[in-house]
PDB file of N, CA and C in Angstrom:
ATOM      1  N   MET A   1     -29.962  51.256  41.215  1.00  0.00           N
ATOM      2  CA  MET A   1     -30.160  50.484  39.983  1.00  0.00           C
ATOM      3  C   MET A   1     -30.916  49.210  40.309  1.00  0.00           C
ATOM      4  N   SER A   2     -31.634  48.735  39.356  1.00  0.00           N
ATOM      5  CA  SER A   2     -32.379  47.503  39.520  1.00  0.00           C
ATOM      6  C   SER A   2     -32.175  46.638  38.291  1.00  0.00           C
ATOM      7  N   VAL A   3     -32.216  45.348  38.477  1.00  0.00           N
ATOM      8  CA  VAL A   3     -31.955  44.431  37.368  1.00  0.00           C
ATOM      9  C   VAL A   3     -32.912  44.653  36.210  1.00  0.00           C
ATOM     10  N   HIS A   4     -34.158  45.010  36.486  1.00  0.00           N
ATOM     11  CA  HIS A   4     -35.097  45.196  35.389  1.00  0.00           C
ATOM     12  C   HIS A   4     -34.930  46.550  34.704  1.00  0.00           C
ATOM     13  N   LYS A   5     -34.166  47.449  35.297  1.00  0.00           N
ATOM     14  CA  LYS A   5     -33.929  48.744  34.667  1.00  0.00           C
ATOM     15  C   LYS A   5     -32.652  48.729  33.823  1.00  0.00           C
ATOM     16  N   THR A   6     -31.600  48.087  34.330  1.00  0.00           N
ATOM     17  CA  THR A   6     -30.326  48.123  33.616  1.00  0.00           C
ATOM     18  C   THR A   6     -29.861  46.762  33.143  1.00  0.00           C
ATOM     19  N   GLY A   7     -30.190  45.721  33.909  1.00  0.00           N
ATOM     20  CA  GLY A   7     -29.760  44.383  33.549  1.00  0.00           C
ATOM     21  C   GLY A   7     -28.288  44.118  33.797  1.00  0.00           C
ATOM     22  N   THR A   8     -27.599  45.051  34.465  1.00  0.00           N
ATOM     23  CA  THR A   8     -26.164  44.888  34.580  1.00  0.00           C
ATOM     24  C   THR A   8     -25.627  44.862  35.992  1.00  0.00           C
ATOM     25  N   ALA A   9     -26.066  45.732  36.865  1.00  0.00           N
ATOM     26  CA  ALA A   9     -25.418  45.862  38.160  1.00  0.00           C
ATOM     27  C   ALA A   9     -26.430  45.867  39.293  1.00  0.00           C
ATOM     28  N   ILE A  10     -25.945  45.506  40.468  1.00  0.00           N
ATOM     29  CA  ILE A  10     -26.769  45.550  41.660  1.00  0.00           C
ATOM     30  C   ILE A  10     -26.290  46.727  42.492  1.00  0.00           C
ATOM     31  N   GLY A  11     -27.197  47.613  42.823  1.00  0.00           N
ATOM     32  CA  GLY A  11     -26.874  48.729  43.698  1.00  0.00           C
ATOM     33  C   GLY A  11     -27.118  48.358  45.146  1.00  0.00           C
ATOM     34  N   GLU A  12     -26.560  49.139  46.060  1.00  0.00           N
ATOM     35  CA  GLU A  12     -26.703  48.857  47.484  1.00  0.00           C
ATOM     36  C   GLU A  12     -28.146  48.842  47.945  1.00  0.00           C
ATOM     37  N   ASN A  13     -28.997  49.617  47.311  1.00  0.00           N
ATOM     38  CA  ASN A  13     -30.386  49.737  47.756  1.00  0.00           C
ATOM     39  C   ASN A  13     -31.359  48.879  46.963  1.00  0.00           C
ATOM     40  N   ASP A  14     -30.867  48.030  46.078  1.00  0.00           N
ATOM     41  CA  ASP A  14     -31.765  47.193  45.278  1.00  0.00           C
ATOM     42  C   ASP A  14     -32.432  46.145  46.150  1.00  0.00           C
ATOM     43  N   ARG A  15     -33.723  46.002  45.959  1.00  0.00           N
ATOM     44  CA  ARG A  15     -34.526  45.048  46.708  1.00  0.00           C
ATOM     45  C   ARG A  15     -35.193  44.080  45.744  1.00  0.00           C
ATOM     46  N   ILE A  16     -35.398  42.866  46.204  1.00  0.00           N
ATOM     47  CA  ILE A  16     -36.087  41.854  45.414  1.00  0.00           C
ATOM     48  C   ILE A  16     -37.510  41.770  45.947  1.00  0.00           C
ATOM     49  N   HIS A  17     -38.465  42.085  45.098  1.00  0.00           N
ATOM     50  CA  HIS A  17     -39.870  42.096  45.481  1.00  0.00           C
ATOM     51  C   HIS A  17     -40.516  40.783  45.055  1.00  0.00           C
ATOM     52  N   LEU A  18     -40.753  39.916  46.013  1.00  0.00           N
ATOM     53  CA  LEU A  18     -41.299  38.595  45.716  1.00  0.00           C
ATOM     54  C   LEU A  18     -42.744  38.640  45.248  1.00  0.00           C
ATOM     55  N   ASP A  19     -43.431  39.745  45.455  1.00  0.00           N
ATOM     56  CA  ASP A  19     -44.817  39.835  45.004  1.00  0.00           C
ATOM     57  C   ASP A  19     -44.925  40.139  43.510  1.00  0.00           C
ATOM     58  N   ASP A  20     -43.804  40.367  42.854  1.00  0.00           N
ATOM     59  CA  ASP A  20     -43.774  40.649  41.416  1.00  0.00           C
ATOM     60  C   ASP A  20     -43.081  39.477  40.712  1.00  0.00           C
ATOM     61  N   GLU A  21     -43.880  38.575  40.124  1.00  0.00           N
ATOM     62  CA  GLU A  21     -43.313  37.368  39.506  1.00  0.00           C
ATOM     63  C   GLU A  21     -42.320  37.681  38.389  1.00  0.00           C
ATOM     64  N   TRP A  22     -42.585  38.735  37.610  1.00  0.00           N
ATOM     65  CA  TRP A  22     -41.655  39.105  36.547  1.00  0.00           C
ATOM     66  C   TRP A  22     -40.306  39.477  37.136  1.00  0.00           C
ATOM     67  N   GLU A  23     -40.324  40.219  38.237  1.00  0.00           N
ATOM     68  CA  GLU A  23     -39.082  40.643  38.873  1.00  0.00           C
ATOM     69  C   GLU A  23     -38.325  39.445  39.446  1.00  0.00           C
ATOM     70  N   VAL A  24     -39.036  38.510  40.062  1.00  0.00           N
ATOM     71  CA  VAL A  24     -38.383  37.308  40.587  1.00  0.00           C
ATOM     72  C   VAL A  24     -37.716  36.543  39.443  1.00  0.00           C
ATOM     73  N   CYS A  25     -38.401  36.433  38.325  1.00  0.00           N
ATOM     74  CA  CYS A  25     -37.840  35.764  37.158  1.00  0.00           C
ATOM     75  C   CYS A  25     -36.594  36.489  36.659  1.00  0.00           C
ATOM     76  N   ALA A  26     -36.646  37.817  36.614  1.00  0.00           N
ATOM     77  CA  ALA A  26     -35.503  38.598  36.153  1.00  0.00           C
ATOM     78  C   ALA A  26     -34.304  38.432  37.079  1.00  0.00           C
ATOM     79  N   TRP A  27     -34.547  38.470  38.389  1.00  0.00           N
ATOM     80  CA  TRP A  27     -33.447  38.264  39.335  1.00  0.00           C
ATOM     81  C   TRP A  27     -32.896  36.840  39.223  1.00  0.00           C
ATOM     82  N   ALA A  28     -33.751  35.869  39.034  1.00  0.00           N
ATOM     83  CA  ALA A  28     -33.289  34.483  38.882  1.00  0.00           C
ATOM     84  C   ALA A  28     -32.353  34.372  37.682  1.00  0.00           C
ATOM     85  N   ARG A  29     -32.714  35.000  36.590  1.00  0.00           N
ATOM     86  CA  ARG A  29     -31.833  34.996  35.415  1.00  0.00           C
ATOM     87  C   ARG A  29     -30.532  35.716  35.716  1.00  0.00           C
ATOM     88  N   TYR A  30     -30.627  36.840  36.398  1.00  0.00           N
ATOM     89  CA  TYR A  30     -29.438  37.622  36.746  1.00  0.00           C
ATOM     90  C   TYR A  30     -28.472  36.797  37.598  1.00  0.00           C
ATOM     91  N   PHE A  31     -29.024  36.075  38.568  1.00  0.00           N
ATOM     92  CA  PHE A  31     -28.199  35.272  39.471  1.00  0.00           C
ATOM     93  C   PHE A  31     -27.876  33.890  38.907  1.00  0.00           C
ATOM     94  N   ASN A  32     -28.439  33.550  37.758  1.00  0.00           N
ATOM     95  CA  ASN A  32     -28.280  32.218  37.178  1.00  0.00           C
ATOM     96  C   ASN A  32     -28.723  31.158  38.190  1.00  0.00           C
ATOM     97  N   ALA A  33     -29.897  31.376  38.724  1.00  0.00           N
ATOM     98  CA  ALA A  33     -30.463  30.482  39.736  1.00  0.00           C
ATOM     99  C   ALA A  33     -31.949  30.300  39.428  1.00  0.00           C
ATOM    100  N   SER A  34     -32.538  29.308  40.036  1.00  0.00           N
ATOM    101  CA  SER A  34     -33.973  29.104  39.844  1.00  0.00           C
ATOM    102  C   SER A  34     -34.748  30.133  40.659  1.00  0.00           C
ATOM    103  N   GLU A  35     -35.991  30.357  40.274  1.00  0.00           N
ATOM    104  CA  GLU A  35     -36.848  31.261  41.031  1.00  0.00           C
ATOM    105  C   GLU A  35     -37.022  30.745  42.457  1.00  0.00           C
ATOM    106  N   ARG A  36     -37.120  29.444  42.600  1.00  0.00           N
ATOM    107  CA  ARG A  36     -37.258  28.847  43.937  1.00  0.00           C
ATOM    108  C   ARG A  36     -36.050  29.181  44.810  1.00  0.00           C
ATOM    109  N   ARG A  37     -34.834  29.082  44.240  1.00  0.00           N
ATOM    110  CA  ARG A  37     -33.627  29.395  45.017  1.00  0.00           C
ATOM    111  C   ARG A  37     -33.577  30.869  45.393  1.00  0.00           C
ATOM    112  N   VAL A  38     -34.029  31.745  44.491  1.00  0.00           N
ATOM    113  CA  VAL A  38     -34.070  33.177  44.811  1.00  0.00           C
ATOM    114  C   VAL A  38     -35.036  33.414  45.968  1.00  0.00           C
ATOM    115  N   LYS A  39     -36.212  32.806  45.909  1.00  0.00           N
ATOM    116  CA  LYS A  39     -37.197  32.968  46.976  1.00  0.00           C
ATOM    117  C   LYS A  39     -36.674  32.421  48.298  1.00  0.00           C
ATOM    118  N   GLU A  40     -35.997  31.284  48.269  1.00  0.00           N
ATOM    119  CA  GLU A  40     -35.415  30.711  49.483  1.00  0.00           C
ATOM    120  C   GLU A  40     -34.337  31.623  50.045  1.00  0.00           C
ATOM    121  N   ALA A  41     -33.530  32.207  49.169  1.00  0.00           N
ATOM    122  CA  ALA A  41     -32.469  33.108  49.610  1.00  0.00           C
ATOM    123  C   ALA A  41     -33.053  34.365  50.249  1.00  0.00           C
ATOM    124  N   VAL A  42     -34.115  34.904  49.660  1.00  0.00           N
ATOM    125  CA  VAL A  42     -34.779  36.072  50.239  1.00  0.00           C
ATOM    126  C   VAL A  42     -35.335  35.717  51.615  1.00  0.00           C
ATOM    127  N   ALA A  43     -35.899  34.535  51.750  1.00  0.00           N
ATOM    128  CA  ALA A  43     -36.424  34.098  53.045  1.00  0.00           C
ATOM    129  C   ALA A  43     -35.302  33.977  54.074  1.00  0.00           C
ATOM    130  N   ALA A  44     -34.113  33.585  53.621  1.00  0.00           N
ATOM    131  CA  ALA A  44     -32.990  33.362  54.531  1.00  0.00           C
ATOM    132  C   ALA A  44     -32.283  34.653  54.941  1.00  0.00           C
ATOM    133  N   VAL A  45     -32.101  35.586  53.985  1.00  0.00           N
ATOM    134  CA  VAL A  45     -31.262  36.758  54.276  1.00  0.00           C
ATOM    135  C   VAL A  45     -31.962  38.096  54.095  1.00  0.00           C
ATOM    136  N   GLY A  46     -33.209  38.089  53.656  1.00  0.00           N
ATOM    137  CA  GLY A  46     -33.920  39.339  53.423  1.00  0.00           C
ATOM    138  C   GLY A  46     -33.945  39.696  51.950  1.00  0.00           C
ATOM    139  N   ASP A  47     -34.526  40.853  51.639  1.00  0.00           N
ATOM    140  CA  ASP A  47     -34.751  41.211  50.242  1.00  0.00           C
ATOM    141  C   ASP A  47     -33.630  42.025  49.588  1.00  0.00           C
ATOM    142  N   SER A  48     -32.524  42.241  50.277  1.00  0.00           N
ATOM    143  CA  SER A  48     -31.392  42.960  49.693  1.00  0.00           C
ATOM    144  C   SER A  48     -30.759  42.110  48.594  1.00  0.00           C
ATOM    145  N   ALA A  49     -30.696  42.665  47.391  1.00  0.00           N
ATOM    146  CA  ALA A  49     -30.130  41.917  46.269  1.00  0.00           C
ATOM    147  C   ALA A  49     -28.668  41.545  46.520  1.00  0.00           C
ATOM    148  N   MET A  50     -27.920  42.422  47.173  1.00  0.00           N
ATOM    149  CA  MET A  50     -26.518  42.117  47.451  1.00  0.00           C
ATOM    150  C   MET A  50     -26.394  40.931  48.410  1.00  0.00           C
ATOM    151  N   LYS A  51     -27.224  40.911  49.446  1.00  0.00           N
ATOM    152  CA  LYS A  51     -27.186  39.801  50.406  1.00  0.00           C
ATOM    153  C   LYS A  51     -27.636  38.503  49.756  1.00  0.00           C
ATOM    154  N   VAL A  52     -28.645  38.599  48.896  1.00  0.00           N
ATOM    155  CA  VAL A  52     -29.105  37.396  48.187  1.00  0.00           C
ATOM    156  C   VAL A  52     -27.992  36.872  47.292  1.00  0.00           C
ATOM    157  N   ARG A  53     -27.309  37.764  46.581  1.00  0.00           N
ATOM    158  CA  ARG A  53     -26.199  37.338  45.717  1.00  0.00           C
ATOM    159  C   ARG A  53     -25.127  36.621  46.541  1.00  0.00           C
ATOM    160  N   GLU A  54     -24.751  37.202  47.675  1.00  0.00           N
ATOM    161  CA  GLU A  54     -23.738  36.577  48.535  1.00  0.00           C
ATOM    162  C   GLU A  54     -24.205  35.217  49.028  1.00  0.00           C
ATOM    163  N   HIS A  55     -25.455  35.140  49.415  1.00  0.00           N
ATOM    164  CA  HIS A  55     -26.023  33.881  49.905  1.00  0.00           C
ATOM    165  C   HIS A  55     -26.001  32.810  48.809  1.00  0.00           C
ATOM    166  N   LEU A  56     -26.426  33.181  47.613  1.00  0.00           N
ATOM    167  CA  LEU A  56     -26.445  32.218  46.510  1.00  0.00           C
ATOM    168  C   LEU A  56     -25.030  31.790  46.134  1.00  0.00           C
ATOM    169  N   ARG A  57     -24.091  32.691  46.147  1.00  0.00           N
ATOM    170  CA  ARG A  57     -22.698  32.337  45.848  1.00  0.00           C
ATOM    171  C   ARG A  57     -22.153  31.371  46.884  1.00  0.00           C
ATOM    172  N   GLY A  58     -22.466  31.631  48.147  1.00  0.00           N
ATOM    173  CA  GLY A  58     -21.992  30.761  49.210  1.00  0.00           C
ATOM    174  C   GLY A  58     -22.532  29.361  49.083  1.00  0.00           C
ATOM    175  N   HIS A  59     -23.802  29.241  48.686  1.00  0.00           N
ATOM    176  CA  HIS A  59     -24.411  27.919  48.553  1.00  0.00           C
ATOM    177  C   HIS A  59     -23.973  27.224  47.287  1.00  0.00           C
ATOM    178  N   SER A  60     -23.646  27.969  46.239  1.00  0.00           N
ATOM    179  CA  SER A  60     -23.229  27.313  45.006  1.00  0.00           C
ATOM    180  C   SER A  60     -21.814  26.764  45.132  1.00  0.00           C
ATOM    181  N   GLU A  61     -21.044  27.307  46.089  1.00  0.00           N
ATOM    182  CA  GLU A  61     -19.672  26.838  46.274  1.00  0.00           C
ATOM    183  C   GLU A  61     -19.596  25.654  47.223  1.00  0.00           C
ATOM    184  N   GLU A  62     -20.680  25.396  47.943  1.00  0.00           N
ATOM    185  CA  GLU A  62     -20.682  24.255  48.845  1.00  0.00           C
ATOM    186  C   GLU A  62     -20.658  22.967  48.050  1.00  0.00           C
ATOM    187  N   ARG A  63     -19.846  22.041  48.501  1.00  0.00           N
ATOM    188  CA  ARG A  63     -19.774  20.749  47.839  1.00  0.00           C
ATOM    189  C   ARG A  63     -19.958  19.655  48.875  1.00  0.00           C
ATOM    190  N   PRO A  64     -20.676  18.622  48.510  1.00  0.00           N
ATOM    191  CA  PRO A  64     -20.836  17.527  49.468  1.00  0.00           C
ATOM    192  C   PRO A  64     -19.521  16.830  49.708  1.00  0.00           C
ATOM    193  N   SER A  65     -19.295  16.390  50.932  1.00  0.00           N
ATOM    194  CA  SER A  65     -18.057  15.679  51.230  1.00  0.00           C
ATOM    195  C   SER A  65     -18.129  14.256  50.677  1.00  0.00           C
ATOM    196  N   ALA A  66     -16.985  13.766  50.303  1.00  0.00           N
ATOM    197  CA  ALA A  66     -16.929  12.425  49.691  1.00  0.00           C
ATOM    198  C   ALA A  66     -16.797  11.338  50.714  1.00  0.00           C
TER     199      ALA A  66
END
């Protein structure tokens, strides 16, 4: 499954293709993140949508220390 086909779920084999701006935008909406953050996540962990989701979740939970 792919976000642009179903809009609902990420399958194990889903890949984020950075050469397709529409797809990057769709994944950014899916992850509730900016396109820049999606691109940075792909650079950090590869194009697996599941790994990108985990990476973005991990970074969104980080909080600066007081």
